């Protein structure tokens, strides 16, 4: 094989790889759009139609819908967890609470339309459940960082309990309940979460 033939073959292989990647991306993006529109389990026919491919093509890229859904979830969580800026660990407590709540609200409001999709998927897929756990781990890390001084001042037996209560307060489920079950606006939900977080610290301080 001469050099020109080899170069042409390499270009062909690279071009094919790019097309495969673009097709896969289109399929994931289409499934994500349907999930964000409120579909609990987007069907392959609709995904394929939106992506401009056949249903057969979808299954050439993904073994089954569960694998596709996990790819969708990975895309969402990578953006939500990865884009969260580091919270300040100094300054007035009220300001730090406000920054934390604003960050959670912005992330969860993006996730809220597809939360039923997320909950359903994590029951079906251990991999998805592990991915969702990243949210809770990130929340705990952010709480420990932003309120390290306050947590450190608590008795050892109260420290973990307080951190757990705070993590529960800012879990995505809490935001979904406030917005969808209780019908609060975004601003009202922010205020309620801020009140709960402040109350956790107030309660623990009163016990000392």
N, C-alpha and C. Protein backbone atom coordinates (compact mmCIF):
# COMPACT_ATOMS: atom_id res chain seq x y z
N UNK A 1 0.85 -1.19 0.00
CA UNK A 1 0.00 0.00 0.00
C UNK A 1 0.89 1.24 0.00
N UNK A 2 0.71 2.14 -1.03
CA UNK A 2 1.55 3.33 -1.08
C UNK A 2 1.04 4.38 -0.09
N UNK A 3 1.83 5.45 0.07
CA UNK A 3 1.51 6.48 1.05
C UNK A 3 0.19 7.17 0.77
N UNK A 4 -0.11 7.44 -0.51
CA UNK A 4 -1.34 8.15 -0.86
C UNK A 4 -2.56 7.30 -0.52
N UNK A 5 -2.47 6.01 -0.83
CA UNK A 5 -3.59 5.11 -0.54
C UNK A 5 -3.84 5.02 0.96
N UNK A 6 -2.75 4.93 1.73
CA UNK A 6 -2.87 4.86 3.18
C UNK A 6 -3.51 6.14 3.73
N UNK A 7 -3.08 7.29 3.20
CA UNK A 7 -3.63 8.56 3.66
C UNK A 7 -5.13 8.64 3.36
N UNK A 8 -5.50 8.22 2.16
CA UNK A 8 -6.92 8.24 1.77
C UNK A 8 -7.74 7.34 2.68
N UNK A 9 -7.19 6.17 2.99
CA UNK A 9 -7.90 5.23 3.87
C UNK A 9 -8.07 5.81 5.26
N UNK A 10 -7.03 6.49 5.76
CA UNK A 10 -7.11 7.10 7.09
C UNK A 10 -8.18 8.20 7.12
N UNK A 11 -8.23 9.00 6.05
CA UNK A 11 -9.24 10.05 5.98
C UNK A 11 -10.64 9.46 5.95
N UNK A 12 -10.80 8.36 5.22
CA UNK A 12 -12.11 7.70 5.13
C UNK A 12 -12.54 7.18 6.49
N UNK A 13 -11.58 6.56 7.20
CA UNK A 13 -11.88 6.02 8.53
C UNK A 13 -12.25 7.13 9.50
N UNK A 14 -11.48 8.24 9.43
CA UNK A 14 -11.76 9.38 10.31
C UNK A 14 -13.12 9.98 10.00
N UNK A 15 -13.44 10.08 8.69
CA UNK A 15 -14.73 10.63 8.31
C UNK A 15 -15.88 9.77 8.79
N UNK A 16 -15.70 8.46 8.69
CA UNK A 16 -16.74 7.55 9.17
C UNK A 16 -16.91 7.67 10.68
N UNK A 17 -15.78 7.80 11.38
CA UNK A 17 -15.85 7.97 12.83
C UNK A 17 -16.59 9.23 13.22
N UNK A 18 -16.36 10.31 12.47
CA UNK A 18 -17.06 11.57 12.73
C UNK A 18 -18.56 11.42 12.51
N UNK A 19 -18.94 10.71 11.46
CA UNK A 19 -20.37 10.51 11.17
C UNK A 19 -21.03 9.69 12.27
N UNK A 20 -20.34 8.66 12.73
CA UNK A 20 -20.87 7.83 13.81
C UNK A 20 -21.08 8.67 15.07
N UNK A 21 -20.09 9.50 15.38
CA UNK A 21 -20.18 10.35 16.58
C UNK A 21 -21.31 11.35 16.45
N UNK A 22 -21.48 11.93 15.24
CA UNK A 22 -22.56 12.90 15.04
C UNK A 22 -23.92 12.24 15.15
N UNK A 23 -24.03 11.04 14.60
CA UNK A 23 -25.31 10.33 14.68
C UNK A 23 -25.64 9.99 16.13
N UNK A 24 -24.66 9.50 16.85
CA UNK A 24 -24.89 9.16 18.26
C UNK A 24 -25.28 10.41 19.05
N UNK A 25 -24.60 11.51 18.78
CA UNK A 25 -24.90 12.77 19.46
C UNK A 25 -26.33 13.21 19.17
N UNK A 26 -26.75 13.07 17.92
CA UNK A 26 -28.10 13.46 17.52
C UNK A 26 -29.15 12.61 18.23
N UNK A 27 -28.87 11.33 18.37
CA UNK A 27 -29.80 10.42 19.05
C UNK A 27 -29.93 10.79 20.53
N UNK A 28 -28.80 11.01 21.18
CA UNK A 28 -28.82 11.38 22.60
C UNK A 28 -29.53 12.72 22.79
N UNK A 29 -29.22 13.69 21.94
CA UNK A 29 -29.84 15.01 22.05
C UNK A 29 -31.35 14.92 21.85
N UNK A 30 -31.79 14.07 20.94
CA UNK A 30 -33.23 13.92 20.70
C UNK A 30 -33.92 13.27 21.88
N UNK A 31 -33.31 12.24 22.44
CA UNK A 31 -33.89 11.59 23.62
C UNK A 31 -33.93 12.55 24.79
N UNK A 32 -32.90 13.37 24.93
CA UNK A 32 -32.86 14.36 26.00
C UNK A 32 -33.97 15.39 25.83
N UNK A 33 -34.19 15.84 24.61
CA UNK A 33 -35.24 16.83 24.35
C UNK A 33 -36.61 16.26 24.72
N UNK A 34 -36.85 15.01 24.40
CA UNK A 34 -38.14 14.38 24.72
C UNK A 34 -38.30 14.20 26.23
N UNK A 35 -37.22 13.82 26.90
CA UNK A 35 -37.28 13.67 28.36
C UNK A 35 -37.52 15.02 29.02
N UNK A 36 -36.86 16.06 28.51
CA UNK A 36 -37.03 17.40 29.06
C UNK A 36 -38.43 17.94 28.81
N UNK A 37 -39.09 17.40 27.79
CA UNK A 37 -40.47 17.80 27.50
C UNK A 37 -41.47 17.07 28.39
N UNK A 38 -40.96 16.17 29.24
CA UNK A 38 -41.83 15.50 30.20
C UNK A 38 -42.10 14.04 29.93
N UNK A 39 -41.53 13.47 28.87
CA UNK A 39 -41.75 12.06 28.59
C UNK A 39 -40.95 11.20 29.57
N UNK A 40 -41.64 10.30 30.25
CA UNK A 40 -40.99 9.46 31.25
C UNK A 40 -40.08 8.43 30.61
N UNK A 41 -40.50 7.90 29.46
CA UNK A 41 -39.71 6.90 28.75
C UNK A 41 -39.85 7.15 27.25
N UNK A 42 -39.07 8.09 26.71
CA UNK A 42 -39.16 8.40 25.28
C UNK A 42 -39.04 7.13 24.43
N UNK A 43 -39.95 6.98 23.48
CA UNK A 43 -39.94 5.77 22.66
C UNK A 43 -39.00 5.94 21.47
N UNK A 44 -38.46 4.83 21.03
CA UNK A 44 -37.43 4.84 19.99
C UNK A 44 -37.95 5.47 18.71
N UNK A 45 -39.20 5.21 18.37
CA UNK A 45 -39.74 5.77 17.13
C UNK A 45 -39.65 7.29 17.13
N UNK A 46 -40.04 7.91 18.25
CA UNK A 46 -40.00 9.37 18.34
C UNK A 46 -38.56 9.89 18.37
N UNK A 47 -37.70 9.18 19.07
CA UNK A 47 -36.29 9.58 19.13
C UNK A 47 -35.68 9.54 17.73
N UNK A 48 -35.93 8.44 17.03
CA UNK A 48 -35.37 8.28 15.68
C UNK A 48 -35.89 9.35 14.73
N UNK A 49 -37.19 9.62 14.82
CA UNK A 49 -37.78 10.63 13.94
C UNK A 49 -37.16 12.00 14.19
N UNK A 50 -37.00 12.36 15.45
CA UNK A 50 -36.41 13.66 15.78
C UNK A 50 -34.95 13.74 15.34
N UNK A 51 -34.24 12.61 15.46
CA UNK A 51 -32.82 12.59 15.10
C UNK A 51 -32.61 12.45 13.59
N UNK A 52 -33.66 12.13 12.87
CA UNK A 52 -33.54 11.96 11.43
C UNK A 52 -32.88 10.66 11.02
N UNK A 53 -33.08 9.62 11.84
CA UNK A 53 -32.51 8.31 11.54
C UNK A 53 -33.60 7.26 11.69
N UNK A 54 -33.27 6.02 11.39
CA UNK A 54 -34.22 4.93 11.56
C UNK A 54 -34.12 4.36 12.97
N UNK A 55 -35.15 3.66 13.38
CA UNK A 55 -35.12 2.99 14.68
C UNK A 55 -33.98 1.97 14.72
N UNK A 56 -33.73 1.33 13.58
CA UNK A 56 -32.64 0.36 13.51
C UNK A 56 -31.30 1.03 13.80
N UNK A 57 -31.13 2.25 13.29
CA UNK A 57 -29.89 2.98 13.53
C UNK A 57 -29.69 3.27 15.01
N UNK A 58 -30.79 3.58 15.69
CA UNK A 58 -30.70 3.84 17.14
C UNK A 58 -30.09 2.63 17.84
N UNK A 59 -30.57 1.44 17.48
CA UNK A 59 -30.09 0.23 18.14
C UNK A 59 -28.73 -0.24 17.63
N UNK A 60 -28.25 0.38 16.56
CA UNK A 60 -26.87 0.13 16.15
C UNK A 60 -25.89 0.88 17.05
N UNK A 61 -26.38 1.93 17.69
CA UNK A 61 -25.54 2.74 18.57
C UNK A 61 -25.73 2.40 20.04
N UNK A 62 -26.89 1.88 20.39
CA UNK A 62 -27.20 1.56 21.78
C UNK A 62 -27.83 0.18 21.86
N UNK A 63 -27.39 -0.62 22.83
CA UNK A 63 -27.89 -1.99 22.94
C UNK A 63 -29.38 -2.03 23.24
N UNK A 64 -29.86 -1.08 24.03
CA UNK A 64 -31.28 -1.02 24.37
C UNK A 64 -31.59 0.40 24.85
N UNK A 65 -32.86 0.64 25.16
CA UNK A 65 -33.24 1.98 25.58
C UNK A 65 -32.60 2.36 26.92
N UNK A 66 -32.39 1.38 27.79
CA UNK A 66 -31.77 1.69 29.08
C UNK A 66 -30.38 2.29 28.88
N UNK A 67 -29.62 1.72 27.96
CA UNK A 67 -28.28 2.25 27.69
C UNK A 67 -28.37 3.66 27.13
N UNK A 68 -29.35 3.89 26.26
CA UNK A 68 -29.54 5.23 25.71
C UNK A 68 -29.93 6.22 26.80
N UNK A 69 -30.86 5.82 27.65
CA UNK A 69 -31.31 6.71 28.72
C UNK A 69 -30.16 7.05 29.68
N UNK A 70 -29.31 6.08 29.95
CA UNK A 70 -28.16 6.34 30.82
C UNK A 70 -27.23 7.37 30.17
N UNK A 71 -27.07 7.28 28.86
CA UNK A 71 -26.25 8.26 28.14
C UNK A 71 -26.86 9.65 28.25
N UNK A 72 -28.19 9.71 28.18
CA UNK A 72 -28.90 10.99 28.33
C UNK A 72 -28.66 11.54 29.74
N UNK A 73 -28.83 10.69 30.73
CA UNK A 73 -28.64 11.12 32.11
C UNK A 73 -27.21 11.61 32.34
N UNK A 74 -26.25 10.89 31.77
CA UNK A 74 -24.86 11.31 31.91
C UNK A 74 -24.62 12.69 31.33
N UNK A 75 -25.27 12.97 30.20
CA UNK A 75 -25.14 14.29 29.58
C UNK A 75 -25.68 15.38 30.51
N UNK A 76 -26.84 15.13 31.08
CA UNK A 76 -27.47 16.12 31.95
C UNK A 76 -26.64 16.36 33.21
N UNK A 77 -26.23 15.29 33.86
CA UNK A 77 -25.52 15.42 35.13
C UNK A 77 -24.13 16.01 34.95
N UNK A 78 -23.50 15.70 33.83
CA UNK A 78 -22.17 16.27 33.57
C UNK A 78 -22.26 17.79 33.51
N UNK A 79 -23.34 18.28 32.92
CA UNK A 79 -23.53 19.73 32.84
C UNK A 79 -23.89 20.32 34.20
N UNK A 80 -24.81 19.67 34.90
CA UNK A 80 -25.29 20.22 36.17
C UNK A 80 -24.23 20.18 37.26
N UNK A 81 -23.56 19.03 37.40
CA UNK A 81 -22.56 18.90 38.45
C UNK A 81 -21.28 19.62 38.07
N UNK A 82 -20.92 19.54 36.79
CA UNK A 82 -19.66 20.14 36.36
C UNK A 82 -19.67 21.65 36.33
N UNK A 83 -20.85 22.26 36.12
CA UNK A 83 -20.89 23.71 35.97
C UNK A 83 -21.02 24.45 37.30
N UNK A 84 -21.22 23.72 38.39
CA UNK A 84 -21.43 24.36 39.69
C UNK A 84 -20.14 25.03 40.17
N UNK A 85 -20.16 26.35 40.36
CA UNK A 85 -18.96 27.03 40.84
C UNK A 85 -18.70 26.73 42.31
N UNK A 86 -17.47 26.91 42.72
CA UNK A 86 -17.11 26.66 44.11
C UNK A 86 -17.74 27.72 45.00
N UNK A 87 -18.32 27.29 46.11
CA UNK A 87 -18.96 28.22 47.03
C UNK A 87 -17.93 28.84 47.97
N UNK A 88 -18.17 30.10 48.32
CA UNK A 88 -17.28 30.78 49.27
C UNK A 88 -17.42 30.16 50.65
N UNK A 89 -16.31 30.07 51.36
CA UNK A 89 -16.34 29.50 52.70
C UNK A 89 -16.22 30.57 53.78
N UNK A 90 -16.19 31.84 53.35
CA UNK A 90 -16.10 32.96 54.29
C UNK A 90 -17.17 33.99 53.93
N UNK A 91 -17.36 34.95 54.83
CA UNK A 91 -18.36 35.98 54.61
C UNK A 91 -19.60 35.72 55.44
N UNK A 92 -20.56 36.64 55.40
CA UNK A 92 -21.78 36.48 56.19
C UNK A 92 -22.49 35.17 55.86
N UNK A 93 -23.00 34.52 56.89
CA UNK A 93 -23.65 33.23 56.68
C UNK A 93 -24.86 33.37 55.75
N UNK A 94 -25.62 34.46 55.92
CA UNK A 94 -26.80 34.66 55.08
C UNK A 94 -26.43 34.71 53.60
N UNK A 95 -25.29 35.32 53.32
CA UNK A 95 -24.83 35.42 51.94
C UNK A 95 -24.43 34.05 51.39
N UNK A 96 -23.79 33.26 52.22
CA UNK A 96 -23.39 31.91 51.78
C UNK A 96 -24.61 31.02 51.59
N UNK A 97 -25.59 31.14 52.47
CA UNK A 97 -26.83 30.37 52.30
C UNK A 97 -27.51 30.77 51.00
N UNK A 98 -27.57 32.08 50.73
CA UNK A 98 -28.20 32.56 49.50
C UNK A 98 -27.48 32.03 48.27
N UNK A 99 -26.15 32.03 48.29
CA UNK A 99 -25.38 31.51 47.15
C UNK A 99 -25.65 30.03 46.94
N UNK A 100 -25.70 29.28 48.03
CA UNK A 100 -25.98 27.85 47.94
C UNK A 100 -27.36 27.60 47.35
N UNK A 101 -28.36 28.30 47.86
CA UNK A 101 -29.73 28.09 47.40
C UNK A 101 -29.88 28.50 45.94
N UNK A 102 -29.27 29.60 45.55
CA UNK A 102 -29.35 30.03 44.16
C UNK A 102 -28.73 29.00 43.23
N UNK A 103 -27.61 28.44 43.66
CA UNK A 103 -26.95 27.41 42.84
C UNK A 103 -27.84 26.19 42.69
N UNK A 104 -28.40 25.73 43.81
CA UNK A 104 -29.28 24.56 43.76
C UNK A 104 -30.51 24.83 42.90
N UNK A 105 -31.10 26.01 43.08
CA UNK A 105 -32.31 26.34 42.33
C UNK A 105 -32.04 26.35 40.82
N UNK A 106 -30.94 26.94 40.42
CA UNK A 106 -30.61 27.00 38.99
C UNK A 106 -30.42 25.60 38.41
N UNK A 107 -29.74 24.73 39.16
CA UNK A 107 -29.49 23.37 38.67
C UNK A 107 -30.78 22.56 38.64
N UNK A 108 -31.53 22.62 39.72
CA UNK A 108 -32.71 21.76 39.84
C UNK A 108 -33.84 22.21 38.93
N UNK A 109 -33.91 23.50 38.65
CA UNK A 109 -34.97 23.97 37.76
C UNK A 109 -34.74 23.43 36.35
N UNK A 110 -33.48 23.23 35.98
CA UNK A 110 -33.18 22.60 34.69
C UNK A 110 -33.55 21.12 34.70
N UNK A 111 -33.35 20.50 35.84
CA UNK A 111 -33.59 19.06 35.95
C UNK A 111 -35.07 18.72 36.18
N UNK A 112 -35.81 19.66 36.74
CA UNK A 112 -37.19 19.39 37.19
C UNK A 112 -38.11 18.83 36.11
N UNK A 113 -38.13 19.36 34.88
CA UNK A 113 -39.06 18.82 33.89
C UNK A 113 -38.86 17.33 33.59
N UNK A 114 -37.64 16.84 33.82
CA UNK A 114 -37.36 15.44 33.50
C UNK A 114 -37.11 14.61 34.76
N UNK A 115 -37.56 15.11 35.92
CA UNK A 115 -37.28 14.40 37.16
C UNK A 115 -37.96 13.04 37.21
N UNK A 116 -39.18 12.93 36.69
CA UNK A 116 -39.85 11.63 36.68
C UNK A 116 -39.08 10.64 35.82
N UNK A 117 -38.55 11.11 34.71
CA UNK A 117 -37.68 10.28 33.86
C UNK A 117 -36.47 9.81 34.66
N UNK A 118 -35.87 10.71 35.42
CA UNK A 118 -34.68 10.38 36.21
C UNK A 118 -35.02 9.36 37.29
N UNK A 119 -36.10 9.58 38.01
CA UNK A 119 -36.49 8.66 39.08
C UNK A 119 -36.79 7.27 38.53
N UNK A 120 -37.50 7.22 37.42
CA UNK A 120 -37.84 5.93 36.82
C UNK A 120 -36.58 5.20 36.37
N UNK A 121 -35.66 5.93 35.76
CA UNK A 121 -34.43 5.32 35.25
C UNK A 121 -33.56 4.78 36.37
N UNK A 122 -33.45 5.51 37.47
CA UNK A 122 -32.55 5.04 38.53
C UNK A 122 -33.10 3.80 39.23
N UNK A 123 -34.41 3.57 39.12
CA UNK A 123 -34.97 2.33 39.65
C UNK A 123 -34.66 1.15 38.73
N UNK A 124 -34.48 1.43 37.46
CA UNK A 124 -34.22 0.38 36.48
C UNK A 124 -32.73 0.08 36.33
N UNK A 125 -31.91 1.07 36.58
CA UNK A 125 -30.50 0.94 36.24
C UNK A 125 -29.59 1.28 37.43
N UNK A 126 -28.82 0.31 37.92
CA UNK A 126 -27.85 0.61 38.98
C UNK A 126 -26.84 1.67 38.54
N UNK A 127 -26.48 1.65 37.27
CA UNK A 127 -25.54 2.65 36.76
C UNK A 127 -26.13 4.05 36.88
N UNK A 128 -27.41 4.17 36.54
CA UNK A 128 -28.08 5.47 36.66
C UNK A 128 -28.17 5.90 38.12
N UNK A 129 -28.46 4.95 39.00
CA UNK A 129 -28.55 5.27 40.43
C UNK A 129 -27.21 5.78 40.95
N UNK A 130 -26.13 5.16 40.49
CA UNK A 130 -24.79 5.62 40.89
C UNK A 130 -24.52 7.03 40.38
N UNK A 131 -25.01 7.31 39.18
CA UNK A 131 -24.80 8.64 38.61
C UNK A 131 -25.58 9.70 39.39
N UNK A 132 -26.81 9.37 39.79
CA UNK A 132 -27.61 10.30 40.57
C UNK A 132 -26.95 10.57 41.91
N UNK A 133 -26.30 9.56 42.45
CA UNK A 133 -25.62 9.72 43.74
C UNK A 133 -24.55 10.82 43.68
N UNK A 134 -24.08 11.13 42.47
CA UNK A 134 -23.09 12.21 42.32
C UNK A 134 -23.65 13.55 42.78
N UNK A 135 -24.96 13.74 42.56
CA UNK A 135 -25.58 15.00 42.99
C UNK A 135 -25.50 15.14 44.49
N UNK A 136 -25.85 14.06 45.19
CA UNK A 136 -25.86 14.11 46.65
C UNK A 136 -24.44 14.25 47.20
N UNK A 137 -23.50 13.57 46.57
CA UNK A 137 -22.10 13.69 47.00
C UNK A 137 -21.59 15.11 46.80
N UNK A 138 -21.94 15.69 45.65
CA UNK A 138 -21.52 17.07 45.37
C UNK A 138 -22.16 18.03 46.36
N UNK A 139 -23.43 17.81 46.68
CA UNK A 139 -24.11 18.68 47.65
C UNK A 139 -23.43 18.63 49.01
N UNK A 140 -23.12 17.41 49.46
CA UNK A 140 -22.47 17.26 50.77
C UNK A 140 -21.11 17.95 50.78
N UNK A 141 -20.37 17.81 49.69
CA UNK A 141 -19.06 18.46 49.60
C UNK A 141 -19.20 19.98 49.63
N UNK A 142 -20.20 20.50 48.91
CA UNK A 142 -20.42 21.95 48.90
C UNK A 142 -20.82 22.47 50.27
N UNK A 143 -21.66 21.71 50.95
CA UNK A 143 -22.08 22.11 52.30
C UNK A 143 -20.90 22.13 53.26
N UNK A 144 -20.08 21.09 53.20
CA UNK A 144 -18.91 21.01 54.08
C UNK A 144 -17.95 22.15 53.82
N UNK A 145 -17.85 22.55 52.55
CA UNK A 145 -16.94 23.63 52.20
C UNK A 145 -17.50 24.99 52.62
N UNK A 146 -18.76 25.24 52.26
CA UNK A 146 -19.35 26.56 52.50
C UNK A 146 -19.60 26.84 53.98
N UNK A 147 -19.89 25.79 54.74
CA UNK A 147 -20.24 25.98 56.15
C UNK A 147 -19.29 25.22 57.08
N UNK A 148 -18.05 25.11 56.64
CA UNK A 148 -17.07 24.38 57.44
C UNK A 148 -16.89 24.97 58.83
N UNK A 149 -16.89 26.30 58.92
CA UNK A 149 -16.70 26.95 60.22
C UNK A 149 -17.85 26.64 61.16
N UNK A 150 -19.07 26.75 60.65
CA UNK A 150 -20.25 26.49 61.48
C UNK A 150 -20.34 25.03 61.89
N UNK A 151 -20.06 24.14 60.95
CA UNK A 151 -20.10 22.71 61.27
C UNK A 151 -19.00 22.34 62.25
N UNK A 152 -17.83 22.93 62.06
CA UNK A 152 -16.71 22.62 62.94
C UNK A 152 -16.93 23.09 64.36
N UNK A 153 -17.78 24.09 64.53
CA UNK A 153 -18.05 24.61 65.87
C UNK A 153 -19.05 23.77 66.64
N UNK A 154 -19.70 22.84 65.95
CA UNK A 154 -20.70 22.00 66.61
C UNK A 154 -20.03 20.84 67.33
N UNK A 155 -20.68 20.31 68.36
CA UNK A 155 -20.17 19.09 69.00
C UNK A 155 -20.09 17.96 67.98
N UNK A 156 -19.17 17.07 68.16
CA UNK A 156 -18.95 15.99 67.20
C UNK A 156 -20.21 15.20 66.91
N UNK A 157 -21.01 14.95 67.95
CA UNK A 157 -22.22 14.14 67.76
C UNK A 157 -23.29 14.87 66.96
N UNK A 158 -23.20 16.19 66.89
CA UNK A 158 -24.19 16.98 66.15
C UNK A 158 -23.77 17.27 64.72
N UNK A 159 -22.47 17.17 64.46
CA UNK A 159 -21.93 17.63 63.18
C UNK A 159 -22.50 16.84 62.01
N UNK A 160 -22.45 15.51 62.07
CA UNK A 160 -22.93 14.69 60.97
C UNK A 160 -24.44 14.80 60.83
N UNK A 161 -25.14 14.87 61.96
CA UNK A 161 -26.59 15.01 61.91
C UNK A 161 -26.98 16.31 61.20
N UNK A 162 -26.26 17.38 61.50
CA UNK A 162 -26.54 18.66 60.87
C UNK A 162 -26.25 18.61 59.38
N UNK A 163 -25.13 18.01 59.02
CA UNK A 163 -24.77 17.90 57.60
C UNK A 163 -25.80 17.07 56.85
N UNK A 164 -26.28 16.00 57.47
CA UNK A 164 -27.30 15.16 56.84
C UNK A 164 -28.60 15.93 56.66
N UNK A 165 -28.99 16.69 57.68
CA UNK A 165 -30.22 17.49 57.58
C UNK A 165 -30.12 18.53 56.48
N UNK A 166 -28.96 19.15 56.35
CA UNK A 166 -28.75 20.13 55.30
C UNK A 166 -28.79 19.48 53.92
N UNK A 167 -28.15 18.32 53.80
CA UNK A 167 -28.15 17.60 52.52
C UNK A 167 -29.57 17.21 52.12
N UNK A 168 -30.37 16.82 53.10
CA UNK A 168 -31.77 16.49 52.82
C UNK A 168 -32.53 17.73 52.35
N UNK A 169 -32.27 18.85 52.99
CA UNK A 169 -32.98 20.08 52.65
C UNK A 169 -32.72 20.52 51.21
N UNK A 170 -31.49 20.33 50.74
CA UNK A 170 -31.16 20.81 49.39
C UNK A 170 -31.10 19.68 48.37
N UNK A 171 -31.68 18.54 48.68
CA UNK A 171 -31.77 17.44 47.71
C UNK A 171 -32.69 17.85 46.57
N UNK A 172 -32.48 17.33 45.37
CA UNK A 172 -33.35 17.70 44.24
C UNK A 172 -34.81 17.40 44.49
N UNK A 173 -35.10 16.33 45.24
CA UNK A 173 -36.49 15.99 45.55
C UNK A 173 -37.18 17.12 46.30
N UNK A 174 -36.45 17.81 47.16
CA UNK A 174 -37.04 18.92 47.92
C UNK A 174 -37.49 20.02 46.97
N UNK A 175 -36.68 20.31 45.97
CA UNK A 175 -37.04 21.34 44.99
C UNK A 175 -38.26 20.91 44.19
N UNK A 176 -38.30 19.66 43.79
CA UNK A 176 -39.45 19.15 43.02
C UNK A 176 -40.73 19.26 43.84
N UNK A 177 -40.66 18.91 45.12
CA UNK A 177 -41.85 19.01 45.99
C UNK A 177 -42.31 20.46 46.10
N UNK A 178 -41.40 21.36 46.35
CA UNK A 178 -41.76 22.77 46.49
C UNK A 178 -42.38 23.33 45.21
N UNK A 179 -41.82 22.98 44.07
CA UNK A 179 -42.28 23.56 42.80
C UNK A 179 -43.51 22.85 42.25
N UNK A 180 -43.49 21.53 42.26
CA UNK A 180 -44.56 20.79 41.59
C UNK A 180 -45.67 20.34 42.52
N UNK A 181 -45.33 19.94 43.73
CA UNK A 181 -46.37 19.44 44.64
C UNK A 181 -47.03 20.58 45.41
N UNK A 182 -46.23 21.55 45.85
CA UNK A 182 -46.77 22.66 46.62
C UNK A 182 -47.07 23.88 45.76
N UNK A 183 -46.64 23.85 44.51
CA UNK A 183 -47.00 24.90 43.56
C UNK A 183 -46.33 26.24 43.80
N UNK A 184 -45.17 26.25 44.43
CA UNK A 184 -44.48 27.52 44.68
C UNK A 184 -43.76 28.01 43.43
N UNK A 185 -43.62 29.32 43.35
CA UNK A 185 -42.82 29.89 42.27
C UNK A 185 -41.34 29.64 42.56
N UNK A 186 -40.49 29.94 41.59
CA UNK A 186 -39.06 29.76 41.80
C UNK A 186 -38.57 30.60 42.98
N UNK A 187 -39.00 31.86 43.02
CA UNK A 187 -38.56 32.74 44.11
C UNK A 187 -39.08 32.26 45.46
N UNK A 188 -40.32 31.81 45.51
CA UNK A 188 -40.88 31.30 46.76
C UNK A 188 -40.13 30.05 47.22
N UNK A 189 -39.82 29.17 46.27
CA UNK A 189 -39.09 27.95 46.61
C UNK A 189 -37.70 28.28 47.13
N UNK A 190 -37.04 29.26 46.53
CA UNK A 190 -35.74 29.70 47.02
C UNK A 190 -35.84 30.16 48.48
N UNK A 191 -36.85 30.97 48.76
CA UNK A 191 -37.02 31.50 50.12
C UNK A 191 -37.26 30.38 51.12
N UNK A 192 -38.07 29.40 50.74
CA UNK A 192 -38.37 28.30 51.66
C UNK A 192 -37.12 27.46 51.94
N UNK A 193 -36.35 27.18 50.91
CA UNK A 193 -35.13 26.40 51.12
C UNK A 193 -34.14 27.17 52.00
N UNK A 194 -34.03 28.47 51.75
CA UNK A 194 -33.16 29.28 52.59
C UNK A 194 -33.59 29.27 54.04
N UNK A 195 -34.91 29.33 54.25
CA UNK A 195 -35.45 29.29 55.62
C UNK A 195 -35.12 27.97 56.29
N UNK A 196 -35.26 26.87 55.55
CA UNK A 196 -34.99 25.55 56.12
C UNK A 196 -33.51 25.41 56.49
N UNK A 197 -32.63 25.83 55.59
CA UNK A 197 -31.19 25.73 55.87
C UNK A 197 -30.81 26.55 57.10
N UNK A 198 -31.32 27.77 57.15
CA UNK A 198 -31.05 28.62 58.32
C UNK A 198 -31.60 27.98 59.59
N UNK A 199 -32.77 27.37 59.49
CA UNK A 199 -33.41 26.76 60.66
C UNK A 199 -32.60 25.58 61.20
N UNK A 200 -31.98 24.84 60.30
CA UNK A 200 -31.15 23.71 60.75
C UNK A 200 -30.03 24.20 61.65
N UNK A 201 -29.35 25.26 61.21
CA UNK A 201 -28.27 25.80 62.02
C UNK A 201 -28.79 26.41 63.32
N UNK A 202 -29.93 27.10 63.24
CA UNK A 202 -30.50 27.71 64.44
C UNK A 202 -30.88 26.66 65.47
N UNK A 203 -31.46 25.56 65.00
CA UNK A 203 -31.87 24.48 65.90
C UNK A 203 -30.67 23.85 66.58
N UNK A 204 -29.63 23.58 65.81
CA UNK A 204 -28.44 22.95 66.39
C UNK A 204 -27.73 23.89 67.37
N UNK A 205 -27.73 25.18 67.04
CA UNK A 205 -27.09 26.15 67.94
C UNK A 205 -27.85 26.22 69.26
N UNK A 206 -29.18 26.11 69.20
CA UNK A 206 -29.99 26.19 70.41
C UNK A 206 -29.78 24.98 71.31
N UNK A 207 -29.35 23.87 70.74
CA UNK A 207 -29.15 22.65 71.53
C UNK A 207 -27.83 22.66 72.29
N UNK A 208 -26.94 23.54 71.92
CA UNK A 208 -25.60 23.54 72.53
C UNK A 208 -25.65 24.09 73.95
